[in-house]
Amino acid sequence: MSDLSPIELATMQQGMTDQQKMQFITQYNGSKKDPTIAIVLAVVLGGLGVDRFYAGDIGLGLLKLFTAGLCGIMWLIDIFLISGRVSEFNRAKAQEIVQAIKITA
């Protein structure tokens, strides 16, 4: 999975005023996570669950923290899967922001 494409962002902004679009972009850019940072965190501090905390998975972060990444197994798996999880987080956050903007309109 990749980060949100410009087409996806434009689709989410359909029907918004210019002010709402600016509000969406500002909030999204302030809350999105970078998949590259997540991969670096997974490699360097993945055994402590820092990558999962970064991706918003508090429960799995705690599990990795208290089990040393399930003795390294989950750490190794997350090196390959964490960027997809961050992309899912970004999509969910974008949808959440769109809904909040539409409710206040």
PDB file of N, CA and C in Angstrom:
ATOM      1  N   MET A   1       0.831  -1.184   0.000  1.00  0.00           N
ATOM      2  CA  MET A   1       0.000   0.000   0.000  1.00  0.00           C
ATOM      3  C   MET A   1       0.874   1.245   0.000  1.00  0.00           C
ATOM      4  N   SER A   2       0.358   2.242  -0.629  1.00  0.00           N
ATOM      5  CA  SER A   2       1.092   3.497  -0.657  1.00  0.00           C
ATOM      6  C   SER A   2       0.311   4.566   0.072  1.00  0.00           C
ATOM      7  N   ASP A   3       0.909   5.722   0.167  1.00  0.00           N
ATOM      8  CA  ASP A   3       0.237   6.849   0.791  1.00  0.00           C
ATOM      9  C   ASP A   3      -0.902   7.310  -0.115  1.00  0.00           C
ATOM     10  N   LEU A   4      -1.727   8.185   0.380  1.00  0.00           N
ATOM     11  CA  LEU A   4      -2.851   8.681  -0.411  1.00  0.00           C
ATOM     12  C   LEU A   4      -2.360   9.402  -1.656  1.00  0.00           C
ATOM     13  N   SER A   5      -2.953   9.076  -2.781  1.00  0.00           N
ATOM     14  CA  SER A   5      -2.574   9.722  -4.029  1.00  0.00           C
ATOM     15  C   SER A   5      -3.310  11.052  -4.166  1.00  0.00           C
ATOM     16  N   PRO A   6      -2.819  11.923  -5.026  1.00  0.00           N
ATOM     17  CA  PRO A   6      -3.522  13.192  -5.259  1.00  0.00           C
ATOM     18  C   PRO A   6      -4.959  12.985  -5.744  1.00  0.00           C
ATOM     19  N   ILE A   7      -5.197  11.915  -6.485  1.00  0.00           N
ATOM     20  CA  ILE A   7      -6.556  11.631  -6.961  1.00  0.00           C
ATOM     21  C   ILE A   7      -7.466  11.271  -5.789  1.00  0.00           C
ATOM     22  N   GLU A   8      -6.960  10.448  -4.850  1.00  0.00           N
ATOM     23  CA  GLU A   8      -7.753  10.092  -3.669  1.00  0.00           C
ATOM     24  C   GLU A   8      -8.060  11.325  -2.829  1.00  0.00           C
ATOM     25  N   LEU A   9      -7.058  12.188  -2.663  1.00  0.00           N
ATOM     26  CA  LEU A   9      -7.271  13.412  -1.892  1.00  0.00           C
ATOM     27  C   LEU A   9      -8.301  14.309  -2.572  1.00  0.00           C
ATOM     28  N   ALA A  10      -8.232  14.430  -3.890  1.00  0.00           N
ATOM     29  CA  ALA A  10      -9.191  15.254  -4.627  1.00  0.00           C
ATOM     30  C   ALA A  10     -10.598  14.678  -4.518  1.00  0.00           C
ATOM     31  N   THR A  11     -10.715  13.358  -4.560  1.00  0.00           N
ATOM     32  CA  THR A  11     -12.016  12.713  -4.428  1.00  0.00           C
ATOM     33  C   THR A  11     -12.627  12.987  -3.055  1.00  0.00           C
ATOM     34  N   MET A  12     -11.801  12.938  -2.028  1.00  0.00           N
ATOM     35  CA  MET A  12     -12.289  13.206  -0.675  1.00  0.00           C
ATOM     36  C   MET A  12     -12.756  14.652  -0.510  1.00  0.00           C
ATOM     37  N   GLN A  13     -12.162  15.551  -1.281  1.00  0.00           N
ATOM     38  CA  GLN A  13     -12.468  16.972  -1.149  1.00  0.00           C
ATOM     39  C   GLN A  13     -13.635  17.426  -2.026  1.00  0.00           C
ATOM     40  N   GLN A  14     -14.229  16.509  -2.780  1.00  0.00           N
ATOM     41  CA  GLN A  14     -15.343  16.883  -3.644  1.00  0.00           C
ATOM     42  C   GLN A  14     -16.488  17.452  -2.821  1.00  0.00           C
ATOM     43  N   GLY A  15     -17.060  18.542  -3.313  1.00  0.00           N
ATOM     44  CA  GLY A  15     -18.193  19.165  -2.646  1.00  0.00           C
ATOM     45  C   GLY A  15     -17.819  20.090  -1.509  1.00  0.00           C
ATOM     46  N   MET A  16     -16.532  20.270  -1.264  1.00  0.00           N
ATOM     47  CA  MET A  16     -16.082  21.164  -0.193  1.00  0.00           C
ATOM     48  C   MET A  16     -15.820  22.556  -0.757  1.00  0.00           C
ATOM     49  N   THR A  17     -15.993  23.548   0.084  1.00  0.00           N
ATOM     50  CA  THR A  17     -15.623  24.906  -0.297  1.00  0.00           C
ATOM     51  C   THR A  17     -14.105  25.032  -0.230  1.00  0.00           C
ATOM     52  N   ASP A  18     -13.580  26.128  -0.767  1.00  0.00           N
ATOM     53  CA  ASP A  18     -12.128  26.336  -0.725  1.00  0.00           C
ATOM     54  C   ASP A  18     -11.621  26.389   0.708  1.00  0.00           C
ATOM     55  N   GLN A  19     -12.383  26.996   1.591  1.00  0.00           N
ATOM     56  CA  GLN A  19     -11.990  27.079   3.003  1.00  0.00           C
ATOM     57  C   GLN A  19     -11.964  25.688   3.638  1.00  0.00           C
ATOM     58  N   GLN A  20     -12.956  24.863   3.324  1.00  0.00           N
ATOM     59  CA  GLN A  20     -12.995  23.502   3.860  1.00  0.00           C
ATOM     60  C   GLN A  20     -11.843  22.661   3.308  1.00  0.00           C
ATOM     61  N   LYS A  21     -11.531  22.848   2.026  1.00  0.00           N
ATOM     62  CA  LYS A  21     -10.400  22.125   1.431  1.00  0.00           C
ATOM     63  C   LYS A  21      -9.098  22.500   2.127  1.00  0.00           C
ATOM     64  N   MET A  22      -8.926  23.787   2.392  1.00  0.00           N
ATOM     65  CA  MET A  22      -7.719  24.248   3.074  1.00  0.00           C
ATOM     66  C   MET A  22      -7.659  23.673   4.490  1.00  0.00           C
ATOM     67  N   GLN A  23      -8.806  23.641   5.159  1.00  0.00           N
ATOM     68  CA  GLN A  23      -8.871  23.081   6.507  1.00  0.00           C
ATOM     69  C   GLN A  23      -8.524  21.589   6.471  1.00  0.00           C
ATOM     70  N   PHE A  24      -9.053  20.872   5.479  1.00  0.00           N
ATOM     71  CA  PHE A  24      -8.761  19.443   5.347  1.00  0.00           C
ATOM     72  C   PHE A  24      -7.267  19.200   5.142  1.00  0.00           C
ATOM     73  N   ILE A  25      -6.683  19.912   4.178  1.00  0.00           N
ATOM     74  CA  ILE A  25      -5.262  19.726   3.869  1.00  0.00           C
ATOM     75  C   ILE A  25      -4.398  20.048   5.085  1.00  0.00           C
ATOM     76  N   THR A  26      -4.733  21.126   5.789  1.00  0.00           N
ATOM     77  CA  THR A  26      -3.965  21.513   6.974  1.00  0.00           C
ATOM     78  C   THR A  26      -4.032  20.439   8.047  1.00  0.00           C
ATOM     79  N   GLN A  27      -5.238  19.952   8.322  1.00  0.00           N
ATOM     80  CA  GLN A  27      -5.394  18.927   9.361  1.00  0.00           C
ATOM     81  C   GLN A  27      -4.755  17.606   8.939  1.00  0.00           C
ATOM     82  N   TYR A  28      -4.927  17.244   7.679  1.00  0.00           N
ATOM     83  CA  TYR A  28      -4.359  15.976   7.202  1.00  0.00           C
ATOM     84  C   TYR A  28      -2.838  16.007   7.240  1.00  0.00           C
ATOM     85  N   ASN A  29      -2.251  17.072   6.747  1.00  0.00           N
ATOM     86  CA  ASN A  29      -0.791  17.174   6.757  1.00  0.00           C
ATOM     87  C   ASN A  29      -0.232  17.199   8.176  1.00  0.00           C
ATOM     88  N   GLY A  30      -0.995  17.717   9.121  1.00  0.00           N
ATOM     89  CA  GLY A  30      -0.543  17.760  10.501  1.00  0.00           C
ATOM     90  C   GLY A  30      -0.661  16.435  11.226  1.00  0.00           C
ATOM     91  N   SER A  31      -1.500  15.531  10.710  1.00  0.00           N
ATOM     92  CA  SER A  31      -1.729  14.286  11.446  1.00  0.00           C
ATOM     93  C   SER A  31      -1.262  13.025  10.721  1.00  0.00           C
ATOM     94  N   LYS A  32      -0.901  13.132   9.447  1.00  0.00           N
ATOM     95  CA  LYS A  32      -0.483  11.927   8.730  1.00  0.00           C
ATOM     96  C   LYS A  32       0.888  11.458   9.198  1.00  0.00           C
ATOM     97  N   LYS A  33       1.126  10.178   9.015  1.00  0.00           N
ATOM     98  CA  LYS A  33       2.385   9.555   9.406  1.00  0.00           C
ATOM     99  C   LYS A  33       3.181   9.196   8.154  1.00  0.00           C
ATOM    100  N   ASP A  34       4.490   9.199   8.270  1.00  0.00           N
ATOM    101  CA  ASP A  34       5.373   8.893   7.148  1.00  0.00           C
ATOM    102  C   ASP A  34       5.767   7.419   7.194  1.00  0.00           C
ATOM    103  N   PRO A  35       5.448   6.655   6.130  1.00  0.00           N
ATOM    104  CA  PRO A  35       5.807   5.232   6.115  1.00  0.00           C
ATOM    105  C   PRO A  35       7.311   4.976   6.226  1.00  0.00           C
ATOM    106  N   THR A  36       8.134   5.863   5.695  1.00  0.00           N
ATOM    107  CA  THR A  36       9.587   5.679   5.784  1.00  0.00           C
ATOM    108  C   THR A  36      10.058   5.762   7.230  1.00  0.00           C
ATOM    109  N   ILE A  37       9.514   6.705   7.969  1.00  0.00           N
ATOM    110  CA  ILE A  37       9.866   6.816   9.391  1.00  0.00           C
ATOM    111  C   ILE A  37       9.434   5.553  10.125  1.00  0.00           C
ATOM    112  N   ALA A  38       8.267   5.023   9.784  1.00  0.00           N
ATOM    113  CA  ALA A  38       7.772   3.810  10.434  1.00  0.00           C
ATOM    114  C   ALA A  38       8.713   2.636  10.168  1.00  0.00           C
ATOM    115  N   ILE A  39       9.238   2.523   8.956  1.00  0.00           N
ATOM    116  CA  ILE A  39      10.164   1.430   8.639  1.00  0.00           C
ATOM    117  C   ILE A  39      11.459   1.585   9.436  1.00  0.00           C
ATOM    118  N   VAL A  40      11.964   2.803   9.509  1.00  0.00           N
ATOM    119  CA  VAL A  40      13.187   3.043  10.291  1.00  0.00           C
ATOM    120  C   VAL A  40      12.946   2.706  11.761  1.00  0.00           C
ATOM    121  N   LEU A  41      11.813   3.121  12.286  1.00  0.00           N
ATOM    122  CA  LEU A  41      11.481   2.793  13.677  1.00  0.00           C
ATOM    123  C   LEU A  41      11.349   1.287  13.868  1.00  0.00           C
ATOM    124  N   ALA A  42      10.767   0.602  12.879  1.00  0.00           N
ATOM    125  CA  ALA A  42      10.610  -0.855  12.977  1.00  0.00           C
ATOM    126  C   ALA A  42      11.964  -1.549  13.028  1.00  0.00           C
ATOM    127  N   VAL A  43      12.901  -1.074  12.221  1.00  0.00           N
ATOM    128  CA  VAL A  43      14.226  -1.707  12.185  1.00  0.00           C
ATOM    129  C   VAL A  43      15.005  -1.404  13.465  1.00  0.00           C
ATOM    130  N   VAL A  44      14.989  -0.133  13.881  1.00  0.00           N
ATOM    131  CA  VAL A  44      15.830   0.289  14.997  1.00  0.00           C
ATOM    132  C   VAL A  44      15.206  -0.018  16.360  1.00  0.00           C
ATOM    133  N   LEU A  45      13.923   0.313  16.527  1.00  0.00           N
ATOM    134  CA  LEU A  45      13.280   0.175  17.832  1.00  0.00           C
ATOM    135  C   LEU A  45      12.054  -0.736  17.809  1.00  0.00           C
ATOM    136  N   GLY A  46      11.945  -1.567  16.776  1.00  0.00           N
ATOM    137  CA  GLY A  46      10.776  -2.425  16.620  1.00  0.00           C
ATOM    138  C   GLY A  46      10.579  -3.424  17.737  1.00  0.00           C
ATOM    139  N   GLY A  47      11.649  -3.875  18.321  1.00  0.00           N
ATOM    140  CA  GLY A  47      11.535  -4.822  19.432  1.00  0.00           C
ATOM    141  C   GLY A  47      10.864  -4.225  20.655  1.00  0.00           C
ATOM    142  N   LEU A  48      10.850  -2.906  20.730  1.00  0.00           N
ATOM    143  CA  LEU A  48      10.196  -2.221  21.850  1.00  0.00           C
ATOM    144  C   LEU A  48       8.792  -1.738  21.482  1.00  0.00           C
ATOM    145  N   GLY A  49       8.372  -1.978  20.250  1.00  0.00           N
ATOM    146  CA  GLY A  49       7.030  -1.609  19.832  1.00  0.00           C
ATOM    147  C   GLY A  49       6.858  -0.165  19.407  1.00  0.00           C
ATOM    148  N   VAL A  50       7.949   0.568  19.293  1.00  0.00           N
ATOM    149  CA  VAL A  50       7.863   1.992  18.955  1.00  0.00           C
ATOM    150  C   VAL A  50       7.196   2.193  17.600  1.00  0.00           C
ATOM    151  N   ASP A  51       7.453   1.304  16.655  1.00  0.00           N
ATOM    152  CA  ASP A  51       6.827   1.424  15.336  1.00  0.00           C
ATOM    153  C   ASP A  51       5.313   1.296  15.417  1.00  0.00           C
ATOM    154  N   ARG A  52       4.829   0.416  16.253  1.00  0.00           N
ATOM    155  CA  ARG A  52       3.377   0.246  16.405  1.00  0.00           C
ATOM    156  C   ARG A  52       2.749   1.422  17.144  1.00  0.00           C
ATOM    157  N   PHE A  53       3.454   1.967  18.115  1.00  0.00           N
ATOM    158  CA  PHE A  53       2.948   3.175  18.774  1.00  0.00           C
ATOM    159  C   PHE A  53       2.832   4.306  17.758  1.00  0.00           C
ATOM    160  N   TYR A  54       3.828   4.437  16.894  1.00  0.00           N
ATOM    161  CA  TYR A  54       3.832   5.465  15.854  1.00  0.00           C
ATOM    162  C   TYR A  54       2.657   5.281  14.899  1.00  0.00           C
ATOM    163  N   ALA A  55       2.329   4.034  14.572  1.00  0.00           N
ATOM    164  CA  ALA A  55       1.248   3.740  13.636  1.00  0.00           C
ATOM    165  C   ALA A  55      -0.127   3.786  14.292  1.00  0.00           C
ATOM    166  N   GLY A  56      -0.182   4.057  15.585  1.00  0.00           N
ATOM    167  CA  GLY A  56      -1.457   4.163  16.275  1.00  0.00           C
ATOM    168  C   GLY A  56      -1.971   2.859  16.850  1.00  0.00           C
ATOM    169  N   ASP A  57      -1.185   1.806  16.787  1.00  0.00           N
ATOM    170  CA  ASP A  57      -1.573   0.501  17.334  1.00  0.00           C
ATOM    171  C   ASP A  57      -1.027   0.359  18.749  1.00  0.00           C
ATOM    172  N   ILE A  58      -1.705   0.973  19.690  1.00  0.00           N
ATOM    173  CA  ILE A  58      -1.224   0.987  21.073  1.00  0.00           C
ATOM    174  C   ILE A  58      -1.180  -0.426  21.664  1.00  0.00           C
ATOM    175  N   GLY A  59      -2.215  -1.216  21.405  1.00  0.00           N
ATOM    176  CA  GLY A  59      -2.266  -2.576  21.950  1.00  0.00           C
ATOM    177  C   GLY A  59      -1.118  -3.439  21.466  1.00  0.00           C
ATOM    178  N   LEU A  60      -0.859  -3.432  20.169  1.00  0.00           N
ATOM    179  CA  LEU A  60       0.253  -4.215  19.643  1.00  0.00           C
ATOM    180  C   LEU A  60       1.593  -3.627  20.063  1.00  0.00           C
ATOM    181  N   GLY A  61       1.645  -2.319  20.231  1.00  0.00           N
ATOM    182  CA  GLY A  61       2.870  -1.702  20.736  1.00  0.00           C
ATOM    183  C   GLY A  61       3.201  -2.189  22.133  1.00  0.00           C
ATOM    184  N   LEU A  62       2.171  -2.254  22.983  1.00  0.00           N
ATOM    185  CA  LEU A  62       2.380  -2.755  24.343  1.00  0.00           C
ATOM    186  C   LEU A  62       2.776  -4.237  24.336  1.00  0.00           C
ATOM    187  N   LEU A  63       2.129  -5.011  23.461  1.00  0.00           N
ATOM    188  CA  LEU A  63       2.479  -6.439  23.360  1.00  0.00           C
ATOM    189  C   LEU A  63       3.945  -6.605  22.970  1.00  0.00           C
ATOM    190  N   LYS A  64       4.386  -5.857  21.978  1.00  0.00           N
ATOM    191  CA  LYS A  64       5.783  -5.942  21.562  1.00  0.00           C
ATOM    192  C   LYS A  64       6.725  -5.445  22.651  1.00  0.00           C
ATOM    193  N   LEU A  65       6.317  -4.407  23.366  1.00  0.00           N
ATOM    194  CA  LEU A  65       7.152  -3.856  24.429  1.00  0.00           C
ATOM    195  C   LEU A  65       7.378  -4.879  25.539  1.00  0.00           C
ATOM    196  N   PHE A  66       6.312  -5.548  25.952  1.00  0.00           N
ATOM    197  CA  PHE A  66       6.420  -6.474  27.080  1.00  0.00           C
ATOM    198  C   PHE A  66       6.928  -7.861  26.706  1.00  0.00           C
ATOM    199  N   THR A  67       6.975  -8.168  25.403  1.00  0.00           N
ATOM    200  CA  THR A  67       7.454  -9.496  24.984  1.00  0.00           C
ATOM    201  C   THR A  67       8.690  -9.415  24.103  1.00  0.00           C
ATOM    202  N   ALA A  68       9.306  -8.240  24.045  1.00  0.00           N
ATOM    203  CA  ALA A  68      10.482  -8.010  23.188  1.00  0.00           C
ATOM    204  C   ALA A  68      10.176  -8.396  21.746  1.00  0.00           C
ATOM    205  N   GLY A  69       9.037  -7.894  21.270  1.00  0.00           N
ATOM    206  CA  GLY A  69       8.654  -8.174  19.881  1.00  0.00           C
ATOM    207  C   GLY A  69       8.333  -9.634  19.661  1.00  0.00           C
ATOM    208  N   LEU A  70       7.708 -10.247  20.674  1.00  0.00           N
ATOM    209  CA  LEU A  70       7.435 -11.694  20.653  1.00  0.00           C
ATOM    210  C   LEU A  70       8.702 -12.456  20.302  1.00  0.00           C
ATOM    211  N   CYS A  71       9.733 -12.135  21.061  1.00  0.00           N
ATOM    212  CA  CYS A  71      11.059 -12.751  20.909  1.00  0.00           C
ATOM    213  C   CYS A  71      11.631 -12.551  19.508  1.00  0.00           C
ATOM    214  N   GLY A  72      11.332 -11.427  18.914  1.00  0.00           N
ATOM    215  CA  GLY A  72      11.905 -11.080  17.627  1.00  0.00           C
ATOM    216  C   GLY A  72      11.070 -11.455  16.416  1.00  0.00           C
ATOM    217  N   ILE A  73      10.080 -12.300  16.597  1.00  0.00           N
ATOM    218  CA  ILE A  73       9.273 -12.749  15.456  1.00  0.00           C
ATOM    219  C   ILE A  73       8.415 -11.597  14.921  1.00  0.00           C
ATOM    220  N   MET A  74       7.686 -10.949  15.803  1.00  0.00           N
ATOM    221  CA  MET A  74       6.820  -9.844  15.378  1.00  0.00           C
ATOM    222  C   MET A  74       7.663  -8.672  14.877  1.00  0.00           C
ATOM    223  N   TRP A  75       8.819  -8.476  15.463  1.00  0.00           N
ATOM    224  CA  TRP A  75       9.731  -7.416  15.011  1.00  0.00           C
ATOM    225  C   TRP A  75      10.105  -7.643  13.554  1.00  0.00           C
ATOM    226  N   LEU A  76      10.465  -8.861  13.200  1.00  0.00           N
ATOM    227  CA  LEU A  76      10.870  -9.185  11.834  1.00  0.00           C
ATOM    228  C   LEU A  76       9.698  -9.019  10.862  1.00  0.00           C
ATOM    229  N   ILE A  77       8.528  -9.468  11.245  1.00  0.00           N
ATOM    230  CA  ILE A  77       7.341  -9.347  10.393  1.00  0.00           C
ATOM    231  C   ILE A  77       6.985  -7.883  10.173  1.00  0.00           C
ATOM    232  N   ASP A  78       7.048  -7.085  11.229  1.00  0.00           N
ATOM    233  CA  ASP A  78       6.670  -5.675  11.127  1.00  0.00           C
ATOM    234  C   ASP A  78       7.596  -4.859  10.234  1.00  0.00           C
ATOM    235  N   ILE A  79       8.809  -5.292  10.065  1.00  0.00           N
ATOM    236  CA  ILE A  79       9.712  -4.579   9.157  1.00  0.00           C
ATOM    237  C   ILE A  79       9.093  -4.528   7.758  1.00  0.00           C
ATOM    238  N   PHE A  80       8.386  -5.587   7.385  1.00  0.00           N
ATOM    239  CA  PHE A  80       7.777  -5.655   6.059  1.00  0.00           C
ATOM    240  C   PHE A  80       6.345  -5.123   6.023  1.00  0.00           C
ATOM    241  N   LEU A  81       5.625  -5.170   7.142  1.00  0.00           N
ATOM    242  CA  LEU A  81       4.209  -4.820   7.129  1.00  0.00           C
ATOM    243  C   LEU A  81       3.876  -3.423   7.653  1.00  0.00           C
ATOM    244  N   ILE A  82       4.790  -2.766   8.333  1.00  0.00           N
ATOM    245  CA  ILE A  82       4.446  -1.535   9.033  1.00  0.00           C
ATOM    246  C   ILE A  82       4.107  -0.391   8.079  1.00  0.00           C
ATOM    247  N   SER A  83       4.715  -0.328   6.918  1.00  0.00           N
ATOM    248  CA  SER A  83       4.397   0.781   6.010  1.00  0.00           C
ATOM    249  C   SER A  83       2.955   0.691   5.525  1.00  0.00           C
ATOM    250  N   GLY A  84       2.451  -0.514   5.317  1.00  0.00           N
ATOM    251  CA  GLY A  84       1.044  -0.690   4.955  1.00  0.00           C
ATOM    252  C   GLY A  84       0.117  -0.273   6.081  1.00  0.00           C
ATOM    253  N   ARG A  85       0.509  -0.563   7.300  1.00  0.00           N
ATOM    254  CA  ARG A  85      -0.306  -0.170   8.461  1.00  0.00           C
ATOM    255  C   ARG A  85      -0.353   1.345   8.594  1.00  0.00           C
ATOM    256  N   VAL A  86       0.748   2.012   8.324  1.00  0.00           N
ATOM    257  CA  VAL A  86       0.787   3.479   8.379  1.00  0.00           C
ATOM    258  C   VAL A  86      -0.094   4.067   7.276  1.00  0.00           C
ATOM    259  N   SER A  87      -0.091   3.465   6.107  1.00  0.00           N
ATOM    260  CA  SER A  87      -0.957   3.938   5.024  1.00  0.00           C
ATOM    261  C   SER A  87      -2.429   3.776   5.397  1.00  0.00           C
ATOM    262  N   GLU A  88      -2.768   2.670   6.044  1.00  0.00           N
ATOM    263  CA  GLU A  88      -4.142   2.474   6.525  1.00  0.00           C
ATOM    264  C   GLU A  88      -4.507   3.551   7.548  1.00  0.00           C
ATOM    265  N   PHE A  89      -3.570   3.847   8.438  1.00  0.00           N
ATOM    266  CA  PHE A  89      -3.794   4.899   9.431  1.00  0.00           C
ATOM    267  C   PHE A  89      -4.068   6.231   8.737  1.00  0.00           C
ATOM    268  N   ASN A  90      -3.272   6.550   7.709  1.00  0.00           N
ATOM    269  CA  ASN A  90      -3.442   7.812   6.988  1.00  0.00           C
ATOM    270  C   ASN A  90      -4.803   7.886   6.294  1.00  0.00           C
ATOM    271  N   ARG A  91      -5.228   6.784   5.685  1.00  0.00           N
ATOM    272  CA  ARG A  91      -6.542   6.771   5.028  1.00  0.00           C
ATOM    273  C   ARG A  91      -7.667   6.954   6.047  1.00  0.00           C
ATOM    274  N   ALA A  92      -7.577   6.263   7.151  1.00  0.00           N
ATOM    275  CA  ALA A  92      -8.601   6.383   8.186  1.00  0.00           C
ATOM    276  C   ALA A  92      -8.636   7.800   8.754  1.00  0.00           C
ATOM    277  N   LYS A  93      -7.473   8.386   8.970  1.00  0.00           N
ATOM    278  CA  LYS A  93      -7.399   9.750   9.498  1.00  0.00           C
ATOM    279  C   LYS A  93      -8.003  10.734   8.501  1.00  0.00           C
ATOM    280  N   ALA A  94      -7.726  10.554   7.208  1.00  0.00           N
ATOM    281  CA  ALA A  94      -8.282  11.438   6.179  1.00  0.00           C
ATOM    282  C   ALA A  94      -9.807  11.335   6.156  1.00  0.00           C
ATOM    283  N   GLN A  95     -10.335  10.119   6.240  1.00  0.00           N
ATOM    284  CA  GLN A  95     -11.788   9.935   6.265  1.00  0.00           C
ATOM    285  C   GLN A  95     -12.405  10.576   7.507  1.00  0.00           C
ATOM    286  N   GLU A  96     -11.726  10.447   8.629  1.00  0.00           N
ATOM    287  CA  GLU A  96     -12.197  11.051   9.879  1.00  0.00           C
ATOM    288  C   GLU A  96     -12.258  12.570   9.758  1.00  0.00           C
ATOM    289  N   ILE A  97     -11.251  13.155   9.156  1.00  0.00           N
ATOM    290  CA  ILE A  97     -11.211  14.613   8.977  1.00  0.00           C
ATOM    291  C   ILE A  97     -12.318  15.061   8.027  1.00  0.00           C
ATOM    292  N   VAL A  98     -12.522  14.325   6.940  1.00  0.00           N
ATOM    293  CA  VAL A  98     -13.587  14.661   5.984  1.00  0.00           C
ATOM    294  C   VAL A  98     -14.946  14.628   6.686  1.00  0.00           C
ATOM    295  N   GLN A  99     -15.189  13.588   7.472  1.00  0.00           N
ATOM    296  CA  GLN A  99     -16.458  13.501   8.178  1.00  0.00           C
ATOM    297  C   GLN A  99     -16.647  14.649   9.157  1.00  0.00           C
ATOM    298  N   ALA A 100     -15.593  15.016   9.862  1.00  0.00           N
ATOM    299  CA  ALA A 100     -15.692  16.115  10.829  1.00  0.00           C
ATOM    300  C   ALA A 100     -15.979  17.442  10.119  1.00  0.00           C
ATOM    301  N   ILE A 101     -15.363  17.641   8.978  1.00  0.00           N
ATOM    302  CA  ILE A 101     -15.585  18.886   8.221  1.00  0.00           C
ATOM    303  C   ILE A 101     -17.015  18.925   7.682  1.00  0.00           C
ATOM    304  N   LYS A 102     -17.511  17.799   7.186  1.00  0.00           N
ATOM    305  CA  LYS A 102     -18.868  17.757   6.641  1.00  0.00           C
ATOM    306  C   LYS A 102     -19.922  17.926   7.729  1.00  0.00           C
ATOM    307  N   ILE A 103     -19.648  17.454   8.915  1.00  0.00           N
ATOM    308  CA  ILE A 103     -20.596  17.610  10.026  1.00  0.00           C
ATOM    309  C   ILE A 103     -20.695  19.069  10.447  1.00  0.00           C
ATOM    310  N   THR A 104     -19.568  19.755  10.469  1.00  0.00           N
ATOM    311  CA  THR A 104     -19.576  21.163  10.902  1.00  0.00           C
ATOM    312  C   THR A 104     -20.054  22.108   9.826  1.00  0.00           C
ATOM    313  N   ALA A 105     -20.220  21.623   8.597  1.00  0.00           N
ATOM    314  CA  ALA A 105     -20.656  22.498   7.500  1.00  0.00           C
ATOM    315  C   ALA A 105     -22.120  22.846   7.572  1.00  0.00           C
TER     316      ALA A 105
END
